[in-house]
Amino acid sequence: MLDLDKKCIEEALFSLNKIKEYLKVTHSKEQFIDDSRTHDAVLMHFIVLGESCNKMSDELKKNNQHIDWRGANDFRNFLAHDYFGVSDDIVWSVIQFHLPQLKADLEKLIEESK
């Protein structure tokens, strides 16, 4: 694995862990929406996560096509460029259904690189 890829994976995992940390006391979509600081912090880390995924090498992405690299970057672009048009339902759905698998996939890549 390239050093840049490892650094980008570590950055992505950092953002995933921060999102998880921010949401420890948030047990519903309504709580997430009502807590503007948590909401904004989570969205910012989604942007960092997507940027980190976008910087990874084409080779890493090609060898790990089961990971939705494009989805992570597209979601980042959506958040960054249409911030006030973002659907909290979509964000909450991504948190609940997509982040756990992405985190597991990235942790596996780090483990395999050792």
PDB file of N, CA and C in Angstrom:
ATOM      1  N   MET A   1       0.845  -1.181   0.000  1.00  0.00           N
ATOM      2  CA  MET A   1       0.000   0.000   0.000  1.00  0.00           C
ATOM      3  C   MET A   1       0.889   1.243   0.000  1.00  0.00           C
ATOM      4  N   LEU A   2       0.516   2.188  -0.813  1.00  0.00           N
ATOM      5  CA  LEU A   2       1.259   3.441  -0.863  1.00  0.00           C
ATOM      6  C   LEU A   2       1.110   4.202   0.449  1.00  0.00           C
ATOM      7  N   ASP A   3       2.153   4.954   0.801  1.00  0.00           N
ATOM      8  CA  ASP A   3       2.101   5.760   2.026  1.00  0.00           C
ATOM      9  C   ASP A   3       0.941   6.759   1.980  1.00  0.00           C
ATOM     10  N   LEU A   4       0.699   7.347   0.802  1.00  0.00           N
ATOM     11  CA  LEU A   4      -0.394   8.302   0.659  1.00  0.00           C
ATOM     12  C   LEU A   4      -1.737   7.628   0.928  1.00  0.00           C
ATOM     13  N   ASP A   5      -1.907   6.412   0.409  1.00  0.00           N
ATOM     14  CA  ASP A   5      -3.157   5.692   0.643  1.00  0.00           C
ATOM     15  C   ASP A   5      -3.351   5.412   2.124  1.00  0.00           C
ATOM     16  N   LYS A   6      -2.302   4.988   2.780  1.00  0.00           N
ATOM     17  CA  LYS A   6      -2.404   4.699   4.210  1.00  0.00           C
ATOM     18  C   LYS A   6      -2.769   5.968   4.984  1.00  0.00           C
ATOM     19  N   LYS A   7      -2.136   7.075   4.632  1.00  0.00           N
ATOM     20  CA  LYS A   7      -2.438   8.354   5.292  1.00  0.00           C
ATOM     21  C   LYS A   7      -3.889   8.754   5.056  1.00  0.00           C
ATOM     22  N   CYS A   8      -4.369   8.588   3.833  1.00  0.00           N
ATOM     23  CA  CYS A   8      -5.751   8.939   3.514  1.00  0.00           C
ATOM     24  C   CYS A   8      -6.744   8.042   4.245  1.00  0.00           C
ATOM     25  N   ILE A   9      -6.435   6.758   4.344  1.00  0.00           N
ATOM     26  CA  ILE A   9      -7.301   5.836   5.081  1.00  0.00           C
ATOM     27  C   ILE A   9      -7.338   6.240   6.555  1.00  0.00           C
ATOM     28  N   GLU A  10      -6.184   6.573   7.097  1.00  0.00           N
ATOM     29  CA  GLU A  10      -6.140   7.003   8.504  1.00  0.00           C
ATOM     30  C   GLU A  10      -6.943   8.286   8.714  1.00  0.00           C
ATOM     31  N   GLU A  11      -6.870   9.219   7.772  1.00  0.00           N
ATOM     32  CA  GLU A  11      -7.666  10.449   7.860  1.00  0.00           C
ATOM     33  C   GLU A  11      -9.158  10.133   7.791  1.00  0.00           C
ATOM     34  N   ALA A  12      -9.524   9.232   6.889  1.00  0.00           N
ATOM     35  CA  ALA A  12     -10.927   8.843   6.755  1.00  0.00           C
ATOM     36  C   ALA A  12     -11.418   8.184   8.038  1.00  0.00           C
ATOM     37  N   LEU A  13     -10.601   7.304   8.612  1.00  0.00           N
ATOM     38  CA  LEU A  13     -10.986   6.652   9.868  1.00  0.00           C
ATOM     39  C   LEU A  13     -11.085   7.657  11.012  1.00  0.00           C
ATOM     40  N   PHE A  14     -10.208   8.642  11.013  1.00  0.00           N
ATOM     41  CA  PHE A  14     -10.293   9.694  12.029  1.00  0.00           C
ATOM     42  C   PHE A  14     -11.660  10.380  11.953  1.00  0.00           C
ATOM     43  N   SER A  15     -12.077  10.734  10.738  1.00  0.00           N
ATOM     44  CA  SER A  15     -13.375  11.402  10.577  1.00  0.00           C
ATOM     45  C   SER A  15     -14.524  10.469  10.942  1.00  0.00           C
ATOM     46  N   LEU A  16     -14.432   9.214  10.555  1.00  0.00           N
ATOM     47  CA  LEU A  16     -15.475   8.252  10.931  1.00  0.00           C
ATOM     48  C   LEU A  16     -15.572   8.118  12.452  1.00  0.00           C
ATOM     49  N   ASN A  17     -14.436   8.077  13.105  1.00  0.00           N
ATOM     50  CA  ASN A  17     -14.431   7.964  14.569  1.00  0.00           C
ATOM     51  C   ASN A  17     -14.970   9.231  15.234  1.00  0.00           C
ATOM     52  N   LYS A  18     -14.667  10.396  14.667  1.00  0.00           N
ATOM     53  CA  LYS A  18     -15.205  11.640  15.215  1.00  0.00           C
ATOM     54  C   LYS A  18     -16.734  11.669  15.062  1.00  0.00           C
ATOM     55  N   ILE A  19     -17.229  11.241  13.912  1.00  0.00           N
ATOM     56  CA  ILE A  19     -18.682  11.187  13.717  1.00  0.00           C
ATOM     57  C   ILE A  19     -19.304  10.271  14.767  1.00  0.00           C
ATOM     58  N   LYS A  20     -18.709   9.107  14.955  1.00  0.00           N
ATOM     59  CA  LYS A  20     -19.226   8.160  15.951  1.00  0.00           C
ATOM     60  C   LYS A  20     -19.181   8.775  17.355  1.00  0.00           C
ATOM     61  N   GLU A  21     -18.092   9.459  17.669  1.00  0.00           N
ATOM     62  CA  GLU A  21     -17.947  10.101  18.976  1.00  0.00           C
ATOM     63  C   GLU A  21     -19.016  11.177  19.186  1.00  0.00           C
ATOM     64  N   TYR A  22     -19.226  12.013  18.177  1.00  0.00           N
ATOM     65  CA  TYR A  22     -20.211  13.089  18.288  1.00  0.00           C
ATOM     66  C   TYR A  22     -21.629  12.548  18.486  1.00  0.00           C
ATOM     67  N   LEU A  23     -21.875  11.364  17.940  1.00  0.00           N
ATOM     68  CA  LEU A  23     -23.228  10.811  17.971  1.00  0.00           C
ATOM     69  C   LEU A  23     -23.474   9.856  19.141  1.00  0.00           C
ATOM     70  N   LYS A  24     -22.501   9.729  20.037  1.00  0.00           N
ATOM     71  CA  LYS A  24     -22.656   8.812  21.172  1.00  0.00           C
ATOM     72  C   LYS A  24     -23.918   9.078  21.980  1.00  0.00           C
ATOM     73  N   VAL A  25     -24.255  10.322  22.163  1.00  0.00           N
ATOM     74  CA  VAL A  25     -25.422  10.662  22.981  1.00  0.00           C
ATOM     75  C   VAL A  25     -26.635  11.032  22.122  1.00  0.00           C
ATOM     76  N   THR A  26     -26.509  10.851  20.829  1.00  0.00           N
ATOM     77  CA  THR A  26     -27.592  11.172  19.903  1.00  0.00           C
ATOM     78  C   THR A  26     -28.224   9.860  19.456  1.00  0.00           C
ATOM     79  N   HIS A  27     -29.449   9.623  19.872  1.00  0.00           N
ATOM     80  CA  HIS A  27     -30.076   8.340  19.622  1.00  0.00           C
ATOM     81  C   HIS A  27     -31.209   8.394  18.599  1.00  0.00           C
ATOM     82  N   SER A  28     -31.417   9.565  18.041  1.00  0.00           N
ATOM     83  CA  SER A  28     -32.475   9.672  17.041  1.00  0.00           C
ATOM     84  C   SER A  28     -32.127  10.764  16.040  1.00  0.00           C
ATOM     85  N   LYS A  29     -32.785  10.681  14.914  1.00  0.00           N
ATOM     86  CA  LYS A  29     -32.591  11.707  13.887  1.00  0.00           C
ATOM     87  C   LYS A  29     -33.010  13.075  14.415  1.00  0.00           C
ATOM     88  N   GLU A  30     -34.062  13.114  15.210  1.00  0.00           N
ATOM     89  CA  GLU A  30     -34.552  14.380  15.747  1.00  0.00           C
ATOM     90  C   GLU A  30     -33.514  15.031  16.665  1.00  0.00           C
ATOM     91  N   GLN A  31     -32.880  14.228  17.517  1.00  0.00           N
ATOM     92  CA  GLN A  31     -31.823  14.767  18.380  1.00  0.00           C
ATOM     93  C   GLN A  31     -30.668  15.290  17.539  1.00  0.00           C
ATOM     94  N   PHE A  32     -30.332  14.563  16.504  1.00  0.00           N
ATOM     95  CA  PHE A  32     -29.249  14.969  15.606  1.00  0.00           C
ATOM     96  C   PHE A  32     -29.561  16.320  14.967  1.00  0.00           C
ATOM     97  N   ILE A  33     -30.771  16.483  14.486  1.00  0.00           N
ATOM     98  CA  ILE A  33     -31.174  17.722  13.827  1.00  0.00           C
ATOM     99  C   ILE A  33     -31.220  18.884  14.822  1.00  0.00           C
ATOM    100  N   ASP A  34     -31.710  18.605  16.015  1.00  0.00           N
ATOM    101  CA  ASP A  34     -31.878  19.666  17.019  1.00  0.00           C
ATOM    102  C   ASP A  34     -30.564  20.167  17.603  1.00  0.00           C
ATOM    103  N   ASP A  35     -29.524  19.360  17.565  1.00  0.00           N
ATOM    104  CA  ASP A  35     -28.224  19.753  18.112  1.00  0.00           C
ATOM    105  C   ASP A  35     -27.365  20.300  16.976  1.00  0.00           C
ATOM    106  N   SER A  36     -27.440  21.601  16.778  1.00  0.00           N
ATOM    107  CA  SER A  36     -26.789  22.200  15.606  1.00  0.00           C
ATOM    108  C   SER A  36     -25.269  22.025  15.609  1.00  0.00           C
ATOM    109  N   ARG A  37     -24.651  22.013  16.772  1.00  0.00           N
ATOM    110  CA  ARG A  37     -23.191  21.839  16.809  1.00  0.00           C
ATOM    111  C   ARG A  37     -22.811  20.435  16.360  1.00  0.00           C
ATOM    112  N   THR A  38     -23.508  19.451  16.868  1.00  0.00           N
ATOM    113  CA  THR A  38     -23.239  18.072  16.453  1.00  0.00           C
ATOM    114  C   THR A  38     -23.542  17.912  14.973  1.00  0.00           C
ATOM    115  N   HIS A  39     -24.662  18.441  14.545  1.00  0.00           N
ATOM    116  CA  HIS A  39     -25.065  18.362  13.140  1.00  0.00           C
ATOM    117  C   HIS A  39     -23.972  18.945  12.240  1.00  0.00           C
ATOM    118  N   ASP A  40     -23.527  20.151  12.554  1.00  0.00           N
ATOM    119  CA  ASP A  40     -22.506  20.804  11.734  1.00  0.00           C
ATOM    120  C   ASP A  40     -21.179  20.069  11.774  1.00  0.00           C
ATOM    121  N   ALA A  41     -20.795  19.584  12.947  1.00  0.00           N
ATOM    122  CA  ALA A  41     -19.529  18.852  13.077  1.00  0.00           C
ATOM    123  C   ALA A  41     -19.562  17.553  12.279  1.00  0.00           C
ATOM    124  N   VAL A  42     -20.676  16.857  12.334  1.00  0.00           N
ATOM    125  CA  VAL A  42     -20.809  15.609  11.578  1.00  0.00           C
ATOM    126  C   VAL A  42     -20.723  15.887  10.080  1.00  0.00           C
ATOM    127  N   LEU A  43     -21.427  16.896   9.617  1.00  0.00           N
ATOM    128  CA  LEU A  43     -21.373  17.218   8.190  1.00  0.00           C
ATOM    129  C   LEU A  43     -19.960  17.599   7.759  1.00  0.00           C
ATOM    130  N   MET A  44     -19.247  18.330   8.600  1.00  0.00           N
ATOM    131  CA  MET A  44     -17.870  18.694   8.268  1.00  0.00           C
ATOM    132  C   MET A  44     -16.994  17.452   8.149  1.00  0.00           C
ATOM    133  N   HIS A  45     -17.182  16.503   9.047  1.00  0.00           N
ATOM    134  CA  HIS A  45     -16.363  15.291   8.971  1.00  0.00           C
ATOM    135  C   HIS A  45     -16.759  14.398   7.797  1.00  0.00           C
ATOM    136  N   PHE A  46     -18.006  14.481   7.356  1.00  0.00           N
ATOM    137  CA  PHE A  46     -18.378  13.796   6.118  1.00  0.00           C
ATOM    138  C   PHE A  46     -17.603  14.396   4.947  1.00  0.00           C
ATOM    139  N   ILE A  47     -17.433  15.706   4.945  1.00  0.00           N
ATOM    140  CA  ILE A  47     -16.686  16.374   3.880  1.00  0.00           C
ATOM    141  C   ILE A  47     -15.224  15.925   3.901  1.00  0.00           C
ATOM    142  N   VAL A  48     -14.626  15.884   5.087  1.00  0.00           N
ATOM    143  CA  VAL A  48     -13.239  15.419   5.220  1.00  0.00           C
ATOM    144  C   VAL A  48     -13.132  13.960   4.783  1.00  0.00           C
ATOM    145  N   LEU A  49     -14.084  13.143   5.185  1.00  0.00           N
ATOM    146  CA  LEU A  49     -14.093  11.726   4.813  1.00  0.00           C
ATOM    147  C   LEU A  49     -14.119  11.565   3.298  1.00  0.00           C
ATOM    148  N   GLY A  50     -15.013  12.269   2.642  1.00  0.00           N
ATOM    149  CA  GLY A  50     -15.096  12.172   1.184  1.00  0.00           C
ATOM    150  C   GLY A  50     -13.845  12.657   0.492  1.00  0.00           C
ATOM    151  N   GLU A  51     -13.266  13.710   1.011  1.00  0.00           N
ATOM    152  CA  GLU A  51     -12.019  14.239   0.437  1.00  0.00           C
ATOM    153  C   GLU A  51     -10.894  13.228   0.591  1.00  0.00           C
ATOM    154  N   SER A  52     -10.814  12.601   1.747  1.00  0.00           N
ATOM    155  CA  SER A  52      -9.778  11.582   1.982  1.00  0.00           C
ATOM    156  C   SER A  52      -9.954  10.411   1.030  1.00  0.00           C
ATOM    157  N   CYS A  53     -11.181   9.967   0.840  1.00  0.00           N
ATOM    158  CA  CYS A  53     -11.442   8.851  -0.077  1.00  0.00           C
ATOM    159  C   CYS A  53     -11.095   9.231  -1.514  1.00  0.00           C
ATOM    160  N   ASN A  54     -11.354  10.470  -1.876  1.00  0.00           N
ATOM    161  CA  ASN A  54     -11.064  10.926  -3.230  1.00  0.00           C
ATOM    162  C   ASN A  54      -9.563  10.952  -3.522  1.00  0.00           C
ATOM    163  N   LYS A  55      -8.747  11.188  -2.510  1.00  0.00           N
ATOM    164  CA  LYS A  55      -7.297  11.302  -2.696  1.00  0.00           C
ATOM    165  C   LYS A  55      -6.593   9.943  -2.816  1.00  0.00           C
ATOM    166  N   MET A  56      -7.295   8.867  -2.506  1.00  0.00           N
ATOM    167  CA  MET A  56      -6.659   7.552  -2.554  1.00  0.00           C
ATOM    168  C   MET A  56      -6.352   7.177  -3.997  1.00  0.00           C
ATOM    169  N   SER A  57      -5.335   6.364  -4.164  1.00  0.00           N
ATOM    170  CA  SER A  57      -4.854   6.019  -5.504  1.00  0.00           C
ATOM    171  C   SER A  57      -5.885   5.206  -6.284  1.00  0.00           C
ATOM    172  N   ASP A  58      -5.806   5.337  -7.594  1.00  0.00           N
ATOM    173  CA  ASP A  58      -6.680   4.551  -8.469  1.00  0.00           C
ATOM    174  C   ASP A  58      -6.441   3.058  -8.268  1.00  0.00           C
ATOM    175  N   GLU A  59      -5.196   2.697  -8.004  1.00  0.00           N
ATOM    176  CA  GLU A  59      -4.865   1.283  -7.791  1.00  0.00           C
ATOM    177  C   GLU A  59      -5.582   0.730  -6.555  1.00  0.00           C
ATOM    178  N   LEU A  60      -5.549   1.478  -5.460  1.00  0.00           N
ATOM    179  CA  LEU A  60      -6.237   1.036  -4.247  1.00  0.00           C
ATOM    180  C   LEU A  60      -7.733   0.896  -4.512  1.00  0.00           C
ATOM    181  N   LYS A  61      -8.295   1.865  -5.189  1.00  0.00           N
ATOM    182  CA  LYS A  61      -9.732   1.826  -5.488  1.00  0.00           C
ATOM    183  C   LYS A  61     -10.062   0.649  -6.404  1.00  0.00           C
ATOM    184  N   LYS A  62      -9.209   0.420  -7.391  1.00  0.00           N
ATOM    185  CA  LYS A  62      -9.439  -0.693  -8.324  1.00  0.00           C
ATOM    186  C   LYS A  62      -9.357  -2.033  -7.595  1.00  0.00           C
ATOM    187  N   ASN A  63      -8.428  -2.152  -6.670  1.00  0.00           N
ATOM    188  CA  ASN A  63      -8.254  -3.401  -5.935  1.00  0.00           C
ATOM    189  C   ASN A  63      -9.291  -3.603  -4.834  1.00  0.00           C
ATOM    190  N   ASN A  64     -10.096  -2.589  -4.568  1.00  0.00           N
ATOM    191  CA  ASN A  64     -11.108  -2.651  -3.507  1.00  0.00           C
ATOM    192  C   ASN A  64     -12.425  -2.067  -4.011  1.00  0.00           C
ATOM    193  N   GLN A  65     -12.900  -2.634  -5.101  1.00  0.00           N
ATOM    194  CA  GLN A  65     -14.105  -2.115  -5.749  1.00  0.00           C
ATOM    195  C   GLN A  65     -15.367  -2.345  -4.933  1.00  0.00           C
ATOM    196  N   HIS A  66     -15.283  -3.169  -3.911  1.00  0.00           N
ATOM    197  CA  HIS A  66     -16.444  -3.396  -3.047  1.00  0.00           C
ATOM    198  C   HIS A  66     -16.737  -2.170  -2.170  1.00  0.00           C
ATOM    199  N   ILE A  67     -15.779  -1.256  -2.089  1.00  0.00           N
ATOM    200  CA  ILE A  67     -15.959  -0.022  -1.324  1.00  0.00           C
ATOM    201  C   ILE A  67     -16.498   1.044  -2.270  1.00  0.00           C
ATOM    202  N   ASP A  68     -17.496   1.760  -1.826  1.00  0.00           N
ATOM    203  CA  ASP A  68     -18.140   2.781  -2.658  1.00  0.00           C
ATOM    204  C   ASP A  68     -17.372   4.101  -2.578  1.00  0.00           C
ATOM    205  N   TRP A  69     -16.219   4.134  -3.230  1.00  0.00           N
ATOM    206  CA  TRP A  69     -15.362   5.321  -3.222  1.00  0.00           C
ATOM    207  C   TRP A  69     -16.091   6.506  -3.842  1.00  0.00           C
ATOM    208  N   ARG A  70     -16.720   6.255  -4.963  1.00  0.00           N
ATOM    209  CA  ARG A  70     -17.410   7.343  -5.662  1.00  0.00           C
ATOM    210  C   ARG A  70     -18.557   7.895  -4.817  1.00  0.00           C
ATOM    211  N   GLY A  71     -19.272   7.006  -4.147  1.00  0.00           N
ATOM    212  CA  GLY A  71     -20.373   7.440  -3.292  1.00  0.00           C
ATOM    213  C   GLY A  71     -19.891   8.356  -2.182  1.00  0.00           C
ATOM    214  N   ALA A  72     -18.748   8.013  -1.586  1.00  0.00           N
ATOM    215  CA  ALA A  72     -18.186   8.850  -0.513  1.00  0.00           C
ATOM    216  C   ALA A  72     -17.828  10.229  -1.045  1.00  0.00           C
ATOM    217  N   ASN A  73     -17.214  10.270  -2.218  1.00  0.00           N
ATOM    218  CA  ASN A  73     -16.829  11.558  -2.794  1.00  0.00           C
ATOM    219  C   ASN A  73     -18.052  12.340  -3.278  1.00  0.00           C
ATOM    220  N   ASP A  74     -19.007  11.650  -3.886  1.00  0.00           N
ATOM    221  CA  ASP A  74     -20.220  12.337  -4.345  1.00  0.00           C
ATOM    222  C   ASP A  74     -20.994  12.923  -3.165  1.00  0.00           C
ATOM    223  N   PHE A  75     -21.049  12.182  -2.052  1.00  0.00           N
ATOM    224  CA  PHE A  75     -21.743  12.682  -0.869  1.00  0.00           C
ATOM    225  C   PHE A  75     -21.018  13.912  -0.326  1.00  0.00           C
ATOM    226  N   ARG A  76     -19.704  13.876  -0.349  1.00  0.00           N
ATOM    227  CA  ARG A  76     -18.904  15.034   0.075  1.00  0.00           C
ATOM    228  C   ARG A  76     -19.239  16.246  -0.772  1.00  0.00           C
ATOM    229  N   ASN A  77     -19.283  16.049  -2.088  1.00  0.00           N
ATOM    230  CA  ASN A  77     -19.588  17.159  -2.992  1.00  0.00           C
ATOM    231  C   ASN A  77     -20.995  17.704  -2.753  1.00  0.00           C
ATOM    232  N   PHE A  78     -21.934  16.807  -2.553  1.00  0.00           N
ATOM    233  CA  PHE A  78     -23.306  17.212  -2.268  1.00  0.00           C
ATOM    234  C   PHE A  78     -23.360  18.074  -1.008  1.00  0.00           C
ATOM    235  N   LEU A  79     -22.691  17.641   0.065  1.00  0.00           N
ATOM    236  CA  LEU A  79     -22.693  18.389   1.311  1.00  0.00           C
ATOM    237  C   LEU A  79     -21.989  19.738   1.167  1.00  0.00           C
ATOM    238  N   ALA A  80     -20.868  19.723   0.482  1.00  0.00           N
ATOM    239  CA  ALA A  80     -20.063  20.938   0.369  1.00  0.00           C
ATOM    240  C   ALA A  80     -20.706  21.984  -0.529  1.00  0.00           C
ATOM    241  N   HIS A  81     -21.404  21.548  -1.567  1.00  0.00           N
ATOM    242  CA  HIS A  81     -21.901  22.502  -2.561  1.00  0.00           C
ATOM    243  C   HIS A  81     -23.386  22.810  -2.434  1.00  0.00           C
ATOM    244  N   ASP A  82     -24.099  21.990  -1.676  1.00  0.00           N
ATOM    245  CA  ASP A  82     -25.535  22.225  -1.511  1.00  0.00           C
ATOM    246  C   ASP A  82     -25.895  22.131  -0.035  1.00  0.00           C
ATOM    247  N   TYR A  83     -25.050  22.748   0.799  1.00  0.00           N
ATOM    248  CA  TYR A  83     -25.136  22.605   2.251  1.00  0.00           C
ATOM    249  C   TYR A  83     -26.544  22.844   2.786  1.00  0.00           C
ATOM    250  N   PHE A  84     -27.192  23.894   2.347  1.00  0.00           N
ATOM    251  CA  PHE A  84     -28.509  24.224   2.881  1.00  0.00           C
ATOM    252  C   PHE A  84     -29.620  23.404   2.231  1.00  0.00           C
ATOM    253  N   GLY A  85     -29.294  22.656   1.190  1.00  0.00           N
ATOM    254  CA  GLY A  85     -30.282  21.796   0.549  1.00  0.00           C
ATOM    255  C   GLY A  85     -30.170  20.349   0.982  1.00  0.00           C
ATOM    256  N   VAL A  86     -29.315  20.088   1.944  1.00  0.00           N
ATOM    257  CA  VAL A  86     -29.060  18.720   2.389  1.00  0.00           C
ATOM    258  C   VAL A  86     -30.263  18.189   3.167  1.00  0.00           C
ATOM    259  N   SER A  87     -30.670  16.995   2.815  1.00  0.00           N
ATOM    260  CA  SER A  87     -31.764  16.332   3.512  1.00  0.00           C
ATOM    261  C   SER A  87     -31.220  15.612   4.740  1.00  0.00           C
ATOM    262  N   ASP A  88     -31.737  15.972   5.903  1.00  0.00           N
ATOM    263  CA  ASP A  88     -31.307  15.292   7.130  1.00  0.00           C
ATOM    264  C   ASP A  88     -31.703  13.825   7.121  1.00  0.00           C
ATOM    265  N   ASP A  89     -32.764  13.485   6.406  1.00  0.00           N
ATOM    266  CA  ASP A  89     -33.145  12.073   6.281  1.00  0.00           C
ATOM    267  C   ASP A  89     -32.044  11.285   5.579  1.00  0.00           C
ATOM    268  N   ILE A  90     -31.481  11.867   4.537  1.00  0.00           N
ATOM    269  CA  ILE A  90     -30.407  11.186   3.800  1.00  0.00           C
ATOM    270  C   ILE A  90     -29.165  11.077   4.673  1.00  0.00           C
ATOM    271  N   VAL A  91     -28.798  12.151   5.338  1.00  0.00           N
ATOM    272  CA  VAL A  91     -27.611  12.119   6.206  1.00  0.00           C
ATOM    273  C   VAL A  91     -27.788  11.062   7.290  1.00  0.00           C
ATOM    274  N   TRP A  92     -28.931  11.038   7.931  1.00  0.00           N
ATOM    275  CA  TRP A  92     -29.174  10.068   8.998  1.00  0.00           C
ATOM    276  C   TRP A  92     -29.131   8.639   8.454  1.00  0.00           C
ATOM    277  N   SER A  93     -29.666   8.441   7.276  1.00  0.00           N
ATOM    278  CA  SER A  93     -29.640   7.123   6.647  1.00  0.00           C
ATOM    279  C   SER A  93     -28.202   6.675   6.358  1.00  0.00           C
ATOM    280  N   VAL A  94     -27.392   7.588   5.857  1.00  0.00           N
ATOM    281  CA  VAL A  94     -25.983   7.268   5.599  1.00  0.00           C
ATOM    282  C   VAL A  94     -25.279   6.905   6.906  1.00  0.00           C
ATOM    283  N   ILE A  95     -25.547   7.654   7.958  1.00  0.00           N
ATOM    284  CA  ILE A  95     -24.945   7.375   9.269  1.00  0.00           C
ATOM    285  C   ILE A  95     -25.324   5.976   9.730  1.00  0.00           C
ATOM    286  N   GLN A  96     -26.582   5.643   9.619  1.00  0.00           N
ATOM    287  CA  GLN A  96     -27.081   4.374  10.139  1.00  0.00           C
ATOM    288  C   GLN A  96     -26.686   3.170   9.289  1.00  0.00           C
ATOM    289  N   PHE A  97     -26.719   3.324   7.971  1.00  0.00           N
ATOM    290  CA  PHE A  97     -26.605   2.164   7.097  1.00  0.00           C
ATOM    291  C   PHE A  97     -25.310   2.042   6.310  1.00  0.00           C
ATOM    292  N   HIS A  98     -24.573   3.128   6.131  1.00  0.00           N
ATOM    293  CA  HIS A  98     -23.375   3.058   5.292  1.00  0.00           C
ATOM    294  C   HIS A  98     -22.069   3.217   6.061  1.00  0.00           C
ATOM    295  N   LEU A  99     -22.063   4.047   7.080  1.00  0.00           N
ATOM    296  CA  LEU A  99     -20.813   4.311   7.799  1.00  0.00           C
ATOM    297  C   LEU A  99     -20.238   3.085   8.498  1.00  0.00           C
ATOM    298  N   PRO A 100     -21.047   2.245   9.135  1.00  0.00           N
ATOM    299  CA  PRO A 100     -20.448   1.080   9.807  1.00  0.00           C
ATOM    300  C   PRO A 100     -19.668   0.174   8.848  1.00  0.00           C
ATOM    301  N   GLN A 101     -20.209  -0.057   7.662  1.00  0.00           N
ATOM    302  CA  GLN A 101     -19.518  -0.914   6.698  1.00  0.00           C
ATOM    303  C   GLN A 101     -18.262  -0.240   6.163  1.00  0.00           C
ATOM    304  N   LEU A 102     -18.341   1.044   5.873  1.00  0.00           N
ATOM    305  CA  LEU A 102     -17.167   1.765   5.388  1.00  0.00           C
ATOM    306  C   LEU A 102     -16.049   1.717   6.430  1.00  0.00           C
ATOM    307  N   LYS A 103     -16.411   1.933   7.684  1.00  0.00           N
ATOM    308  CA  LYS A 103     -15.416   1.887   8.760  1.00  0.00           C
ATOM    309  C   LYS A 103     -14.770   0.504   8.834  1.00  0.00           C
ATOM    310  N   ALA A 104     -15.567  -0.536   8.761  1.00  0.00           N
ATOM    311  CA  ALA A 104     -15.036  -1.901   8.804  1.00  0.00           C
ATOM    312  C   ALA A 104     -14.121  -2.173   7.608  1.00  0.00           C
ATOM    313  N   ASP A 105     -14.518  -1.719   6.432  1.00  0.00           N
ATOM    314  CA  ASP A 105     -13.701  -1.921   5.229  1.00  0.00           C
ATOM    315  C   ASP A 105     -12.360  -1.201   5.336  1.00  0.00           C
ATOM    316  N   LEU A 106     -12.378   0.034   5.811  1.00  0.00           N
ATOM    317  CA  LEU A 106     -11.142   0.804   5.928  1.00  0.00           C
ATOM    318  C   LEU A 106     -10.229   0.230   7.022  1.00  0.00           C
ATOM    319  N   GLU A 107     -10.817  -0.204   8.121  1.00  0.00           N
ATOM    320  CA  GLU A 107     -10.014  -0.829   9.185  1.00  0.00           C
ATOM    321  C   GLU A 107      -9.351  -2.105   8.674  1.00  0.00           C
ATOM    322  N   LYS A 108     -10.058  -2.853   7.841  1.00  0.00           N
ATOM    323  CA  LYS A 108      -9.492  -4.074   7.268  1.00  0.00           C
ATOM    324  C   LYS A 108      -8.308  -3.739   6.347  1.00  0.00           C
ATOM    325  N   LEU A 109      -8.430  -2.674   5.561  1.00  0.00           N
ATOM    326  CA  LEU A 109      -7.321  -2.263   4.693  1.00  0.00           C
ATOM    327  C   LEU A 109      -6.093  -1.899   5.517  1.00  0.00           C
ATOM    328  N   ILE A 110      -6.293  -1.190   6.612  1.00  0.00           N
ATOM    329  CA  ILE A 110      -5.163  -0.827   7.489  1.00  0.00           C
ATOM    330  C   ILE A 110      -4.537  -2.079   8.075  1.00  0.00           C
ATOM    331  N   GLU A 111      -5.366  -2.987   8.548  1.00  0.00           N
ATOM    332  CA  GLU A 111      -4.861  -4.235   9.143  1.00  0.00           C
ATOM    333  C   GLU A 111      -4.068  -5.052   8.117  1.00  0.00           C
ATOM    334  N   GLU A 112      -4.563  -5.120   6.905  1.00  0.00           N
ATOM    335  CA  GLU A 112      -3.882  -5.862   5.846  1.00  0.00           C
ATOM    336  C   GLU A 112      -2.553  -5.220   5.454  1.00  0.00           C
ATOM    337  N   SER A 113      -2.405  -3.936   5.702  1.00  0.00           N
ATOM    338  CA  SER A 113      -1.169  -3.252   5.316  1.00  0.00           C
ATOM    339  C   SER A 113      -0.040  -3.460   6.303  1.00  0.00           C
ATOM    340  N   LYS A 114      -0.343  -4.046   7.456  1.00  0.00           N
ATOM    341  CA  LYS A 114       0.687  -4.250   8.497  1.00  0.00           C
ATOM    342  C   LYS A 114       1.557  -5.442   8.204  1.00  0.00           C
TER     343      LYS A 114
END
